[in-house]
Amino acid sequence: MKGLTLLVLAAFAGLLIYAGTDFAVLGDPKSPASTHVATQYLLRSYPDTRTPNVVTSVLADYRGFDTLGETTVVFTAAAGQSARSRASP
């Protein structure tokens, strides 16, 4: 069973390495994220959201539910740690 687990993990690691070879070079101005997505956020953030700060419009308006989920996870972790530290002597 241990051999099968190692084989599956090795295959998965190989798949991840193979998929990583298709990533754009870091900082490449001609990558799809730089030429399509970022440009659309910069051009449409103010007309769509009426928020002058692009970062705020992306986090609060375009990715609002994702940001809410991340905030909930961090708050829950902090509340759990606080309760745990108060309960221990």
N, C-alpha and C. Protein backbone atom coordinates (compact mmCIF):
# COMPACT_ATOMS: atom_id res chain seq x y z
N MET A 1 0.82 -1.20 0.00
CA MET A 1 0.00 0.00 0.00
C MET A 1 0.87 1.26 0.00
N LYS A 2 1.99 1.20 0.75
CA LYS A 2 2.88 2.36 0.82
C LYS A 2 3.49 2.65 -0.55
N GLY A 3 3.82 1.59 -1.29
CA GLY A 3 4.40 1.75 -2.62
C GLY A 3 3.41 2.41 -3.58
N LEU A 4 2.13 2.02 -3.49
CA LEU A 4 1.11 2.61 -4.33
C LEU A 4 0.92 4.10 -4.02
N THR A 5 0.95 4.42 -2.73
CA THR A 5 0.83 5.81 -2.32
C THR A 5 1.99 6.65 -2.86
N LEU A 6 3.20 6.13 -2.76
CA LEU A 6 4.35 6.85 -3.28
C LEU A 6 4.28 7.00 -4.80
N LEU A 7 3.79 5.98 -5.49
CA LEU A 7 3.64 6.04 -6.93
C LEU A 7 2.62 7.12 -7.33
N VAL A 8 1.50 7.15 -6.65
CA VAL A 8 0.47 8.17 -6.94
C VAL A 8 1.01 9.56 -6.65
N LEU A 9 1.72 9.72 -5.54
CA LEU A 9 2.29 11.03 -5.22
C LEU A 9 3.35 11.46 -6.24
N ALA A 10 4.16 10.52 -6.68
CA ALA A 10 5.17 10.83 -7.69
C ALA A 10 4.52 11.22 -9.01
N ALA A 11 3.46 10.51 -9.39
CA ALA A 11 2.74 10.84 -10.62
C ALA A 11 2.10 12.22 -10.52
N PHE A 12 1.53 12.53 -9.38
CA PHE A 12 0.92 13.84 -9.17
C PHE A 12 1.97 14.94 -9.18
N ALA A 13 3.12 14.70 -8.56
CA ALA A 13 4.20 15.68 -8.58
C ALA A 13 4.70 15.89 -10.00
N GLY A 14 4.80 14.83 -10.77
CA GLY A 14 5.20 14.96 -12.17
C GLY A 14 4.20 15.76 -12.97
N LEU A 15 2.92 15.54 -12.71
CA LEU A 15 1.87 16.29 -13.40
C LEU A 15 1.95 17.78 -13.05
N LEU A 16 2.19 18.09 -11.79
CA LEU A 16 2.32 19.49 -11.38
C LEU A 16 3.54 20.15 -12.01
N ILE A 17 4.64 19.43 -12.07
CA ILE A 17 5.85 19.98 -12.70
C ILE A 17 5.61 20.20 -14.18
N TYR A 18 4.96 19.25 -14.84
CA TYR A 18 4.65 19.40 -16.26
C TYR A 18 3.74 20.59 -16.50
N ALA A 19 2.73 20.77 -15.66
CA ALA A 19 1.82 21.91 -15.82
C ALA A 19 2.54 23.23 -15.55
N GLY A 20 3.50 23.22 -14.65
CA GLY A 20 4.24 24.43 -14.32
C GLY A 20 5.13 24.92 -15.44
N THR A 21 5.48 24.03 -16.37
CA THR A 21 6.33 24.45 -17.49
C THR A 21 5.58 25.35 -18.46
N ASP A 22 4.26 25.39 -18.38
CA ASP A 22 3.46 26.20 -19.28
C ASP A 22 3.15 27.58 -18.72
N PHE A 23 3.61 27.87 -17.51
CA PHE A 23 3.38 29.19 -16.92
C PHE A 23 4.12 30.26 -17.69
N ALA A 24 3.58 31.46 -17.65
CA ALA A 24 4.28 32.59 -18.25
C ALA A 24 5.47 32.97 -17.37
N VAL A 25 6.46 33.56 -17.99
CA VAL A 25 7.64 34.00 -17.26
C VAL A 25 7.22 35.13 -16.32
N LEU A 26 7.73 35.11 -15.10
CA LEU A 26 7.37 36.11 -14.10
C LEU A 26 7.75 37.50 -14.60
N GLY A 27 6.77 38.40 -14.61
CA GLY A 27 7.01 39.77 -15.04
C GLY A 27 6.94 39.97 -16.54
N ASP A 28 6.51 38.95 -17.28
CA ASP A 28 6.43 39.06 -18.74
C ASP A 28 5.28 40.00 -19.12
N PRO A 29 5.57 41.12 -19.77
CA PRO A 29 4.50 42.06 -20.12
C PRO A 29 3.60 41.54 -21.23
N LYS A 30 3.98 40.47 -21.90
CA LYS A 30 3.16 39.92 -22.98
C LYS A 30 2.37 38.69 -22.56
N SER A 31 2.35 38.38 -21.25
CA SER A 31 1.58 37.24 -20.77
C SER A 31 0.09 37.57 -20.84
N PRO A 32 -0.78 36.57 -20.92
CA PRO A 32 -2.22 36.84 -21.00
C PRO A 32 -2.75 37.65 -19.83
N ALA A 33 -2.23 37.42 -18.63
CA ALA A 33 -2.71 38.18 -17.48
C ALA A 33 -2.37 39.66 -17.61
N SER A 34 -1.22 39.96 -18.21
CA SER A 34 -0.81 41.35 -18.36
C SER A 34 -1.50 42.03 -19.53
N THR A 35 -1.81 41.28 -20.58
CA THR A 35 -2.37 41.90 -21.77
C THR A 35 -3.89 41.94 -21.78
N HIS A 36 -4.55 41.04 -21.07
CA HIS A 36 -6.01 40.99 -21.12
C HIS A 36 -6.67 41.36 -19.80
N VAL A 37 -6.35 40.64 -18.77
CA VAL A 37 -7.05 40.79 -17.49
C VAL A 37 -6.72 42.12 -16.82
N ALA A 38 -5.44 42.40 -16.65
CA ALA A 38 -5.05 43.63 -15.95
C ALA A 38 -5.54 44.87 -16.68
N THR A 39 -5.47 44.84 -18.00
CA THR A 39 -5.93 45.98 -18.78
C THR A 39 -7.41 46.21 -18.59
N GLN A 40 -8.19 45.14 -18.55
CA GLN A 40 -9.63 45.29 -18.36
C GLN A 40 -9.96 45.84 -16.98
N TYR A 41 -9.25 45.37 -15.96
CA TYR A 41 -9.47 45.91 -14.62
C TYR A 41 -9.16 47.41 -14.59
N LEU A 42 -8.05 47.79 -15.19
CA LEU A 42 -7.66 49.21 -15.17
C LEU A 42 -8.62 50.08 -15.96
N LEU A 43 -9.09 49.59 -17.09
CA LEU A 43 -9.99 50.39 -17.92
C LEU A 43 -11.42 50.44 -17.39
N ARG A 44 -11.89 49.36 -16.79
CA ARG A 44 -13.31 49.28 -16.44
C ARG A 44 -13.60 49.44 -14.96
N SER A 45 -12.58 49.55 -14.11
CA SER A 45 -12.86 49.57 -12.67
C SER A 45 -13.65 50.80 -12.26
N TYR A 46 -13.28 51.96 -12.73
CA TYR A 46 -14.03 53.16 -12.31
C TYR A 46 -15.43 53.22 -12.93
N PRO A 47 -15.59 52.97 -14.24
CA PRO A 47 -16.96 53.00 -14.78
C PRO A 47 -17.88 51.93 -14.18
N ASP A 48 -17.33 50.77 -13.86
CA ASP A 48 -18.16 49.70 -13.31
C ASP A 48 -18.50 49.91 -11.84
N THR A 49 -17.55 50.41 -11.06
CA THR A 49 -17.73 50.43 -9.61
C THR A 49 -17.82 51.82 -8.99
N ARG A 50 -17.41 52.84 -9.74
CA ARG A 50 -17.36 54.21 -9.23
C ARG A 50 -16.45 54.34 -8.01
N THR A 51 -15.42 53.51 -7.99
CA THR A 51 -14.40 53.56 -6.94
C THR A 51 -13.10 54.01 -7.58
N PRO A 52 -12.51 55.13 -7.12
CA PRO A 52 -11.30 55.63 -7.78
C PRO A 52 -10.06 54.75 -7.57
N ASN A 53 -10.03 53.95 -6.52
CA ASN A 53 -8.88 53.11 -6.23
C ASN A 53 -9.10 51.74 -6.89
N VAL A 54 -8.20 51.35 -7.79
CA VAL A 54 -8.36 50.10 -8.53
C VAL A 54 -8.27 48.89 -7.61
N VAL A 55 -7.36 48.93 -6.65
CA VAL A 55 -7.20 47.78 -5.74
C VAL A 55 -8.47 47.58 -4.93
N THR A 56 -9.04 48.66 -4.43
CA THR A 56 -10.28 48.56 -3.66
C THR A 56 -11.41 48.04 -4.53
N SER A 57 -11.51 48.50 -5.75
CA SER A 57 -12.60 48.03 -6.62
C SER A 57 -12.46 46.55 -6.94
N VAL A 58 -11.23 46.07 -7.13
CA VAL A 58 -11.05 44.64 -7.43
C VAL A 58 -11.38 43.80 -6.20
N LEU A 59 -10.86 44.19 -5.03
CA LEU A 59 -11.08 43.38 -3.82
C LEU A 59 -12.52 43.47 -3.32
N ALA A 60 -13.10 44.65 -3.34
CA ALA A 60 -14.43 44.82 -2.74
C ALA A 60 -15.57 44.52 -3.71
N ASP A 61 -15.40 44.85 -4.98
CA ASP A 61 -16.52 44.70 -5.90
C ASP A 61 -16.41 43.47 -6.79
N TYR A 62 -15.28 43.30 -7.48
CA TYR A 62 -15.17 42.17 -8.40
C TYR A 62 -14.98 40.86 -7.65
N ARG A 63 -14.21 40.86 -6.57
CA ARG A 63 -13.92 39.63 -5.83
C ARG A 63 -14.49 39.69 -4.42
N GLY A 64 -15.64 40.30 -4.27
CA GLY A 64 -16.22 40.52 -2.95
C GLY A 64 -16.47 39.25 -2.16
N PHE A 65 -17.08 38.24 -2.79
CA PHE A 65 -17.39 37.01 -2.06
C PHE A 65 -16.12 36.25 -1.69
N ASP A 66 -15.12 36.27 -2.56
CA ASP A 66 -13.85 35.62 -2.26
C ASP A 66 -13.17 36.30 -1.08
N THR A 67 -13.17 37.64 -1.09
CA THR A 67 -12.57 38.39 0.01
C THR A 67 -13.34 38.15 1.32
N LEU A 68 -14.67 38.07 1.23
CA LEU A 68 -15.47 37.78 2.42
C LEU A 68 -15.13 36.40 2.98
N GLY A 69 -14.95 35.41 2.11
CA GLY A 69 -14.59 34.07 2.57
C GLY A 69 -13.23 34.05 3.24
N GLU A 70 -12.25 34.74 2.65
CA GLU A 70 -10.92 34.79 3.25
C GLU A 70 -10.95 35.49 4.60
N THR A 71 -11.72 36.56 4.70
CA THR A 71 -11.84 37.29 5.96
C THR A 71 -12.51 36.42 7.02
N THR A 72 -13.49 35.65 6.62
CA THR A 72 -14.17 34.75 7.56
C THR A 72 -13.21 33.69 8.09
N VAL A 73 -12.39 33.14 7.22
CA VAL A 73 -11.41 32.12 7.65
C VAL A 73 -10.42 32.72 8.65
N VAL A 74 -9.89 33.90 8.34
CA VAL A 74 -8.91 34.53 9.23
C VAL A 74 -9.56 34.89 10.57
N PHE A 75 -10.79 35.43 10.54
CA PHE A 75 -11.47 35.77 11.78
C PHE A 75 -11.75 34.53 12.62
N THR A 76 -12.18 33.45 11.99
CA THR A 76 -12.47 32.21 12.72
C THR A 76 -11.20 31.66 13.35
N ALA A 77 -10.10 31.71 12.62
CA ALA A 77 -8.83 31.23 13.17
C ALA A 77 -8.40 32.08 14.36
N ALA A 78 -8.55 33.40 14.25
CA ALA A 78 -8.17 34.29 15.36
C ALA A 78 -9.08 34.08 16.57
N ALA A 79 -10.37 33.90 16.33
CA ALA A 79 -11.30 33.67 17.44
C ALA A 79 -11.01 32.33 18.12
N GLY A 80 -10.70 31.31 17.33
CA GLY A 80 -10.38 30.01 17.91
C GLY A 80 -9.10 30.06 18.73
N GLN A 81 -8.09 30.76 18.21
CA GLN A 81 -6.83 30.88 18.94
C GLN A 81 -7.03 31.67 20.23
N SER A 82 -7.85 32.72 20.17
CA SER A 82 -8.12 33.53 21.36
C SER A 82 -8.85 32.70 22.42
N ALA A 83 -9.84 31.93 21.98
CA ALA A 83 -10.58 31.09 22.93
C ALA A 83 -9.68 30.01 23.52
N ARG A 84 -8.80 29.46 22.70
CA ARG A 84 -7.90 28.43 23.17
C ARG A 84 -6.89 28.98 24.17
N SER A 85 -6.38 30.17 23.91
CA SER A 85 -5.37 30.74 24.82
C SER A 85 -6.01 31.15 26.15
N ARG A 86 -7.26 31.51 26.13
CA ARG A 86 -7.93 31.87 27.39
C ARG A 86 -8.31 30.64 28.19
N ALA A 87 -8.55 29.53 27.52
CA ALA A 87 -8.98 28.31 28.22
C ALA A 87 -7.81 27.58 28.89
N SER A 88 -6.61 27.72 28.32
CA SER A 88 -5.49 27.00 28.91
C SER A 88 -4.96 27.76 30.14
N PRO A 89 -4.50 26.99 31.16
CA PRO A 89 -4.05 27.65 32.39
C PRO A 89 -2.73 28.33 32.24
